[in-house]
Every structure is written in C-alpha cells, then in structure tokens.
C-alpha atoms as a PDB file:
ATOM      1  CA  MET A   1      27.954 103.726 -31.994  1.00  0.00           C
ATOM      2  CA  LYS A   2      24.504 102.481 -33.045  1.00  0.00           C
ATOM      3  CA  LYS A   3      25.984 100.972 -36.225  1.00  0.00           C
ATOM      4  CA  SER A   4      28.645  99.166 -34.148  1.00  0.00           C
ATOM      5  CA  LEU A   5      26.021  97.703 -31.797  1.00  0.00           C
ATOM      6  CA  ILE A   6      23.909  96.547 -34.728  1.00  0.00           C
ATOM      7  CA  ALA A   7      26.939  94.928 -36.357  1.00  0.00           C
ATOM      8  CA  ILE A   8      27.756  93.054 -33.139  1.00  0.00           C
ATOM      9  CA  LEU A   9      24.162  91.818 -32.798  1.00  0.00           C
ATOM     10  CA  VAL A  10      24.038  90.668 -36.421  1.00  0.00           C
ATOM     11  CA  ALA A  11      27.378  88.847 -36.042  1.00  0.00           C
ATOM     12  CA  GLY A  12      26.082  87.148 -32.901  1.00  0.00           C
ATOM     13  CA  LEU A  13      22.920  86.005 -34.658  1.00  0.00           C
ATOM     14  CA  MET A  14      24.910  84.654 -37.598  1.00  0.00           C
ATOM     15  CA  ALA A  15      27.405  82.725 -35.415  1.00  0.00           C
ATOM     16  CA  PRO A  16      26.796  78.955 -35.242  1.00  0.00           C
ATOM     17  CA  ALA A  17      24.813  78.093 -32.121  1.00  0.00           C
ATOM     18  CA  LEU A  18      25.497  75.194 -29.815  1.00  0.00           C
ATOM     19  CA  SER A  19      23.554  72.120 -30.910  1.00  0.00           C
ATOM     20  CA  PHE A  20      21.780  69.904 -28.394  1.00  0.00           C
ATOM     21  CA  ALA A  21      20.419  66.390 -28.882  1.00  0.00           C
ATOM     22  CA  GLU A  22      16.756  66.110 -29.819  1.00  0.00           C
ATOM     23  CA  LYS A  23      14.279  63.231 -29.986  1.00  0.00           C
ATOM     24  CA  GLY A  24      15.164  61.027 -32.953  1.00  0.00           C
ATOM     25  CA  ASP A  25      18.803  62.154 -33.162  1.00  0.00           C
ATOM     26  CA  VAL A  26      21.623  59.715 -33.780  1.00  0.00           C
ATOM     27  CA  VAL A  27      25.018  60.521 -32.263  1.00  0.00           C
ATOM     28  CA  VAL A  28      28.182  58.839 -33.514  1.00  0.00           C
ATOM     29  CA  ARG A  29      31.260  58.995 -31.297  1.00  0.00           C
ATOM     30  CA  LEU A  30      34.856  57.983 -32.015  1.00  0.00           C
ATOM     31  CA  ARG A  31      36.858  57.370 -28.848  1.00  0.00           C
ATOM     32  CA  ALA A  32      40.134  56.059 -27.510  1.00  0.00           C
ATOM     33  CA  THR A  33      39.267  53.430 -24.890  1.00  0.00           C
ATOM     34  CA  HIS A  34      41.485  52.072 -22.132  1.00  0.00           C
ATOM     35  CA  ILE A  35      40.439  48.676 -20.756  1.00  0.00           C
ATOM     36  CA  ALA A  36      41.897  47.870 -17.335  1.00  0.00           C
ATOM     37  CA  PRO A  37      40.925  44.433 -15.940  1.00  0.00           C
ATOM     38  CA  ASP A  38      40.233  44.314 -12.205  1.00  0.00           C
ATOM     39  CA  GLU A  39      40.635  40.570 -12.099  1.00  0.00           C
ATOM     40  CA  SER A  40      40.077  38.094  -9.288  1.00  0.00           C
ATOM     41  CA  SER A  41      41.692  34.700  -9.846  1.00  0.00           C
ATOM     42  CA  HIS A  42      41.083  31.356  -8.147  1.00  0.00           C
ATOM     43  CA  LEU A  43      43.840  29.344  -9.812  1.00  0.00           C
ATOM     44  CA  ASN A  44      44.060  25.625  -9.123  1.00  0.00           C
ATOM     45  CA  LEU A  45      47.365  24.764 -10.784  1.00  0.00           C
ATOM     46  CA  SER A  46      50.334  23.188  -8.999  1.00  0.00           C
ATOM     47  CA  GLY A  47      53.092  25.712  -8.291  1.00  0.00           C
ATOM     48  CA  TYR A  48      50.986  28.756  -9.179  1.00  0.00           C
ATOM     49  CA  GLN A  49      48.761  31.063  -7.148  1.00  0.00           C
ATOM     50  CA  LYS A  50      46.801  33.253  -9.593  1.00  0.00           C
ATOM     51  CA  LEU A  51      46.347  34.630 -13.097  1.00  0.00           C
ATOM     52  CA  GLU A  52      46.779  38.270 -14.086  1.00  0.00           C
ATOM     53  CA  VAL A  53      45.354  40.025 -17.173  1.00  0.00           C
ATOM     54  CA  ASP A  54      47.063  43.172 -18.490  1.00  0.00           C
ATOM     55  CA  SER A  55      45.487  46.403 -19.777  1.00  0.00           C
ATOM     56  CA  ASN A  56      45.127  47.650 -23.337  1.00  0.00           C
ATOM     57  CA  THR A  57      44.029  50.790 -25.213  1.00  0.00           C
ATOM     58  CA  ILE A  58      41.992  50.473 -28.414  1.00  0.00           C
ATOM     59  CA  PRO A  59      39.927  52.605 -30.824  1.00  0.00           C
ATOM     60  CA  GLU A  60      36.169  52.414 -30.314  1.00  0.00           C
ATOM     61  CA  ILE A  61      33.065  53.684 -32.098  1.00  0.00           C
ATOM     62  CA  ASP A  62      29.598  53.969 -30.594  1.00  0.00           C
ATOM     63  CA  PHE A  63      26.129  54.930 -31.753  1.00  0.00           C
ATOM     64  CA  SER A  64      23.437  56.576 -29.633  1.00  0.00           C
ATOM     65  CA  TYR A  65      19.749  56.944 -30.490  1.00  0.00           C
ATOM     66  CA  TYR A  66      17.696  59.504 -28.561  1.00  0.00           C
ATOM     67  CA  PHE A  67      14.146  58.351 -27.757  1.00  0.00           C
ATOM     68  CA  THR A  68      13.668  61.676 -25.949  1.00  0.00           C
ATOM     69  CA  LYS A  69      16.033  64.482 -25.003  1.00  0.00           C
ATOM     70  CA  ASN A  70      16.734  62.653 -21.739  1.00  0.00           C
ATOM     71  CA  ILE A  71      16.637  58.973 -22.720  1.00  0.00           C
ATOM     72  CA  ALA A  72      19.077  57.385 -25.169  1.00  0.00           C
ATOM     73  CA  ALA A  73      20.330  53.931 -26.069  1.00  0.00           C
ATOM     74  CA  GLU A  74      24.036  53.499 -26.791  1.00  0.00           C
ATOM     75  CA  LEU A  75      25.687  50.630 -28.652  1.00  0.00           C
ATOM     76  CA  ILE A  76      29.444  50.453 -28.086  1.00  0.00           C
ATOM     77  CA  LEU A  77      31.504  48.661 -30.714  1.00  0.00           C
ATOM     78  CA  ALA A  78      35.252  48.156 -30.787  1.00  0.00           C
ATOM     79  CA  THR A  79      38.027  46.334 -32.490  1.00  0.00           C
ATOM     80  CA  GLY A  80      39.255  43.243 -30.678  1.00  0.00           C
ATOM     81  CA  THR A  81      41.092  44.051 -27.484  1.00  0.00           C
ATOM     82  CA  ARG A  82      44.138  41.824 -26.924  1.00  0.00           C
ATOM     83  CA  HIS A  83      45.295  41.135 -23.357  1.00  0.00           C
ATOM     84  CA  ASP A  84      48.385  39.276 -22.190  1.00  0.00           C
ATOM     85  CA  VAL A  85      47.694  36.712 -19.483  1.00  0.00           C
ATOM     86  CA  ASN A  86      50.328  35.813 -16.894  1.00  0.00           C
ATOM     87  CA  ALA A  87      50.505  33.085 -14.266  1.00  0.00           C
ATOM     88  CA  ILE A  88      52.004  34.153 -10.944  1.00  0.00           C
ATOM     89  CA  ALA A  89      53.991  31.365  -9.281  1.00  0.00           C
ATOM     90  CA  ASN A  90      54.061  30.681  -5.544  1.00  0.00           C
ATOM     91  CA  ASP A  91      57.540  32.242  -5.381  1.00  0.00           C
ATOM     92  CA  GLY A  92      56.299  35.412  -7.107  1.00  0.00           C
ATOM     93  CA  SER A  93      57.853  34.743 -10.503  1.00  0.00           C
ATOM     94  CA  VAL A  94      55.805  35.484 -13.615  1.00  0.00           C
ATOM     95  CA  SER A  95      55.137  33.126 -16.528  1.00  0.00           C
ATOM     96  CA  LYS A  96      53.521  34.553 -19.638  1.00  0.00           C
ATOM     97  CA  LEU A  97      50.807  32.193 -20.831  1.00  0.00           C
ATOM     98  CA  GLY A  98      49.996  34.056 -24.040  1.00  0.00           C
ATOM     99  CA  SER A  99      47.191  36.443 -24.925  1.00  0.00           C
ATOM    100  CA  ILE A 100      43.475  36.447 -25.614  1.00  0.00           C
ATOM    101  CA  ASN A 101      41.612  38.658 -28.076  1.00  0.00           C
ATOM    102  CA  LEU A 102      38.175  39.795 -26.913  1.00  0.00           C
ATOM    103  CA  LEU A 103      35.403  41.563 -28.835  1.00  0.00           C
ATOM    104  CA  PRO A 104      33.231  43.477 -26.324  1.00  0.00           C
ATOM    105  CA  PRO A 105      30.020  45.009 -27.826  1.00  0.00           C
ATOM    106  CA  THR A 106      27.968  46.680 -25.084  1.00  0.00           C
ATOM    107  CA  LEU A 107      24.415  48.062 -25.114  1.00  0.00           C
ATOM    108  CA  THR A 108      23.296  50.553 -22.468  1.00  0.00           C
ATOM    109  CA  ALA A 109      20.275  52.718 -21.716  1.00  0.00           C
ATOM    110  CA  GLN A 110      21.205  56.258 -20.653  1.00  0.00           C
ATOM    111  CA  TRP A 111      19.614  59.083 -18.714  1.00  0.00           C
ATOM    112  CA  HIS A 112      20.866  62.571 -19.691  1.00  0.00           C
ATOM    113  CA  PHE A 113      20.455  65.127 -16.921  1.00  0.00           C
ATOM    114  CA  ASN A 114      20.901  68.390 -18.870  1.00  0.00           C
ATOM    115  CA  PRO A 115      20.009  67.753 -22.511  1.00  0.00           C
ATOM    116  CA  ASP A 116      19.761  71.458 -23.402  1.00  0.00           C
ATOM    117  CA  GLN A 117      22.978  72.581 -21.755  1.00  0.00           C
ATOM    118  CA  THR A 118      26.593  72.835 -22.852  1.00  0.00           C
ATOM    119  CA  VAL A 119      27.617  70.254 -20.240  1.00  0.00           C
ATOM    120  CA  ASP A 120      25.367  67.184 -20.414  1.00  0.00           C
ATOM    121  CA  PRO A 121      26.216  64.485 -17.819  1.00  0.00           C
ATOM    122  CA  TYR A 122      24.578  61.060 -18.001  1.00  0.00           C
ATOM    123  CA  VAL A 123      24.430  57.662 -16.338  1.00  0.00           C
ATOM    124  CA  GLY A 124      23.622  54.339 -17.939  1.00  0.00           C
ATOM    125  CA  ALA A 125      23.182  50.617 -17.394  1.00  0.00           C
ATOM    126  CA  GLY A 126      23.102  47.658 -19.731  1.00  0.00           C
ATOM    127  CA  LEU A 127      24.641  44.410 -20.891  1.00  0.00           C
ATOM    128  CA  SER A 128      27.998  43.499 -22.382  1.00  0.00           C
ATOM    129  CA  TYR A 129      28.614  40.499 -24.631  1.00  0.00           C
ATOM    130  CA  ILE A 130      32.239  39.383 -24.754  1.00  0.00           C
ATOM    131  CA  ARG A 131      33.304  37.161 -27.643  1.00  0.00           C
ATOM    132  CA  ALA A 132      36.705  35.485 -27.361  1.00  0.00           C
ATOM    133  CA  ILE A 133      38.123  35.677 -30.882  1.00  0.00           C
ATOM    134  CA  ASP A 134      41.389  34.069 -29.847  1.00  0.00           C
ATOM    135  CA  ARG A 135      41.063  32.102 -26.608  1.00  0.00           C
ATOM    136  CA  ASN A 136      44.037  29.717 -26.558  1.00  0.00           C
ATOM    137  CA  LEU A 137      46.780  30.073 -23.975  1.00  0.00           C
ATOM    138  CA  ASN A 138      49.794  27.854 -23.374  1.00  0.00           C
ATOM    139  CA  LEU A 139      51.897  27.054 -20.344  1.00  0.00           C
ATOM    140  CA  SER A 140      54.866  24.960 -21.551  1.00  0.00           C
ATOM    141  CA  THR A 141      53.114  22.294 -23.648  1.00  0.00           C
ATOM    142  CA  THR A 142      49.800  22.337 -21.777  1.00  0.00           C
ATOM    143  CA  GLY A 143      46.890  23.808 -23.752  1.00  0.00           C
ATOM    144  CA  ILE A 144      44.797  26.337 -21.826  1.00  0.00           C
ATOM    145  CA  THR A 145      41.560  27.907 -23.076  1.00  0.00           C
ATOM    146  CA  VAL A 146      38.956  30.392 -21.862  1.00  0.00           C
ATOM    147  CA  ASP A 147      35.227  30.480 -22.643  1.00  0.00           C
ATOM    148  CA  ARG A 148      34.202  31.482 -26.169  1.00  0.00           C
ATOM    149  CA  ASN A 149      31.129  33.518 -25.115  1.00  0.00           C
ATOM    150  CA  MET A 150      30.679  35.618 -21.979  1.00  0.00           C
ATOM    151  CA  PHE A 151      28.009  38.044 -20.752  1.00  0.00           C
ATOM    152  CA  GLY A 152      27.976  40.585 -17.958  1.00  0.00           C
ATOM    153  CA  PRO A 153      26.172  43.683 -16.642  1.00  0.00           C
ATOM    154  CA  ALA A 154      27.595  47.135 -17.310  1.00  0.00           C
ATOM    155  CA  LEU A 155      27.230  50.481 -15.539  1.00  0.00           C
ATOM    156  CA  GLN A 156      28.439  53.774 -16.970  1.00  0.00           C
ATOM    157  CA  ALA A 157      28.749  57.477 -16.220  1.00  0.00           C
ATOM    158  CA  GLY A 158      29.945  60.167 -18.557  1.00  0.00           C
ATOM    159  CA  VAL A 159      29.541  63.644 -19.931  1.00  0.00           C
ATOM    160  CA  ASP A 160      29.011  65.203 -23.347  1.00  0.00           C
ATOM    161  CA  TYR A 161      30.392  68.708 -23.849  1.00  0.00           C
ATOM    162  CA  ASN A 162      28.312  70.217 -26.646  1.00  0.00           C
ATOM    163  CA  LEU A 163      30.043  72.291 -29.325  1.00  0.00           C
ATOM    164  CA  GLN A 164      28.904  74.181 -32.401  1.00  0.00           C
ATOM    165  CA  ASN A 165      27.695  72.565 -35.631  1.00  0.00           C
ATOM    166  CA  LYS A 166      26.410  69.416 -33.866  1.00  0.00           C
ATOM    167  CA  TRP A 167      29.852  68.364 -32.579  1.00  0.00           C
ATOM    168  CA  LEU A 168      30.650  67.274 -29.016  1.00  0.00           C
ATOM    169  CA  VAL A 169      33.494  66.075 -26.821  1.00  0.00           C
ATOM    170  CA  ASN A 170      32.848  63.001 -24.680  1.00  0.00           C
ATOM    171  CA  PHE A 171      34.337  61.414 -21.555  1.00  0.00           C
ATOM    172  CA  ASP A 172      32.936  58.088 -20.375  1.00  0.00           C
ATOM    173  CA  VAL A 173      33.667  55.494 -17.662  1.00  0.00           C
ATOM    174  CA  LYS A 174      32.168  52.006 -17.517  1.00  0.00           C
ATOM    175  CA  LYS A 175      32.426  49.108 -15.125  1.00  0.00           C
ATOM    176  CA  ILE A 176      31.721  45.698 -16.658  1.00  0.00           C
ATOM    177  CA  TRP A 177      31.441  42.476 -14.699  1.00  0.00           C
ATOM    178  CA  PHE A 178      32.135  39.162 -16.414  1.00  0.00           C
ATOM    179  CA  SER A 179      33.952  35.934 -15.665  1.00  0.00           C
ATOM    180  CA  THR A 180      35.324  32.979 -17.589  1.00  0.00           C
ATOM    181  CA  ASP A 181      36.285  29.406 -16.862  1.00  0.00           C
ATOM    182  CA  VAL A 182      39.929  28.654 -17.610  1.00  0.00           C
ATOM    183  CA  ASN A 183      40.406  25.061 -18.689  1.00  0.00           C
ATOM    184  CA  THR A 184      43.078  22.540 -19.552  1.00  0.00           C
ATOM    185  CA  THR A 185      41.787  18.969 -19.488  1.00  0.00           C
ATOM    186  CA  SER A 186      39.715  20.227 -16.547  1.00  0.00           C
ATOM    187  CA  LYS A 187      38.745  23.563 -15.046  1.00  0.00           C
ATOM    188  CA  ILE A 188      41.694  25.277 -13.340  1.00  0.00           C
ATOM    189  CA  ASP A 189      40.340  28.772 -12.675  1.00  0.00           C
ATOM    190  CA  ASP A 190      37.163  30.785 -12.318  1.00  0.00           C
ATOM    191  CA  LEU A 191      38.596  34.104 -13.480  1.00  0.00           C
ATOM    192  CA  ASP A 192      36.598  37.288 -12.792  1.00  0.00           C
ATOM    193  CA  VAL A 193      37.907  39.899 -15.259  1.00  0.00           C
ATOM    194  CA  ASP A 194      35.609  42.832 -14.270  1.00  0.00           C
ATOM    195  CA  PRO A 195      37.334  45.620 -16.247  1.00  0.00           C
ATOM    196  CA  TRP A 196      37.171  49.376 -15.886  1.00  0.00           C
ATOM    197  CA  VAL A 197      36.634  50.915 -19.330  1.00  0.00           C
ATOM    198  CA  VAL A 198      37.656  54.576 -19.690  1.00  0.00           C
ATOM    199  CA  SER A 199      37.006  56.442 -22.963  1.00  0.00           C
ATOM    200  CA  PHE A 200      37.660  59.902 -24.396  1.00  0.00           C
ATOM    201  CA  GLY A 201      36.742  61.165 -27.839  1.00  0.00           C
ATOM    202  CA  ILE A 202      34.586  63.278 -30.129  1.00  0.00           C
ATOM    203  CA  GLY A 203      31.068  62.882 -31.497  1.00  0.00           C
ATOM    204  CA  LYS A 204      28.685  64.222 -34.129  1.00  0.00           C
ATOM    205  CA  LYS A 205      24.889  64.500 -34.075  1.00  0.00           C
ATOM    206  CA  PHE A 206      22.827  63.530 -37.113  1.00  0.00           C
END
C-alpha cells in the first residue's frame, strides 16, 4: 500500500503542471474570427434607403506582452476581411454594389483578473486602425468609394483557459466603432460599420 501511494505521489509530481502567464511573457494566439458589422447607414442616393455590409470569418493571429501578471498589451493582426456591400432600394429590393477588403490591426490594454488560475478572464480597451485595401464599389456605371484610412475605439472581454505545457484555449469578444464616408462625385453616406468581433482559438506562452 505504501509503495502504491508513493508511486501515485511521484507520478503526480512528474506530471506537467498548468502554466500561468508571468511578467515578461509573450503569448501568441491563433484564432478563427467572425466579424459581424452592426452598421447604421444614412444613404443619400435617389431610389435607395440604406447600405448593408455582410459578415465574414477570417483567420487571425495576435501577440500579447505581459507587463505584470495582471496587465498585458495585445496586438491583433489579421488577413484582409472582405465584406459584400448592398444597397437597399425604397421598394426593399437589394442591389449588390461590390465588396471592400479591410485590414483591421487593433491594439488593446488588458486587465487579467485571475492570472494564477486555470480560468483567467480579462477585459480590455484600445484603438483599431482600419485600412481599406480595396475600397471601390460600383452601382451600374457609377464609381463609389469608401475612405482609405479609418480609426475607432475598441472594447473587449474574453477568457484564457490555461492548459499544460504553456498552452491555452481562448475566447474573445470585441466591439469596434468606426465609420466611413461613402462617395461618388460627392458624399452619399456616412456609414457607421461598428462591428462585433468574436474569436475562438488556441495560444502558447513563451
């Protein structure tokens, strides 16, 4: 019996322990990210009432640096996210204008509530820079463009579930507020895009 107890204790001591973030750690996460615009349109175009922007899911990578166990900075990078844009006519019919391709790097400061626990929830706030890689839309033969550069505040909440060997599982939700002018020969819309950004993925501490 004593030998069995000793064997169990030794096995427990040799098992990989959960790994928690420490000051100076860098965490790299790979996530699937769903971007769902919550747009508000003020379209001034004869025969049409508003613009709509569709959702998209993209791969995303982010890097976090821990200044302390509780305080981290996170830089979110992603491939371009392409969104179809539709014009809704006064009679309810839909005309596809085309699509825009946006690159949305976002930097946030985070507060981690339980840095030494398996479940580590956090909140964050920061700034998003949106670069329109492809910003040309077309309605019949009329050229329509959006702004090339956009900025907006971002809020986030999420949770890291710490695993063994410095791995973790992550779930994250952000709300980003930004708007763009939509132009032909003149401004036709002040479009608030204001997307919800929902991510799920895995991470590794270094």
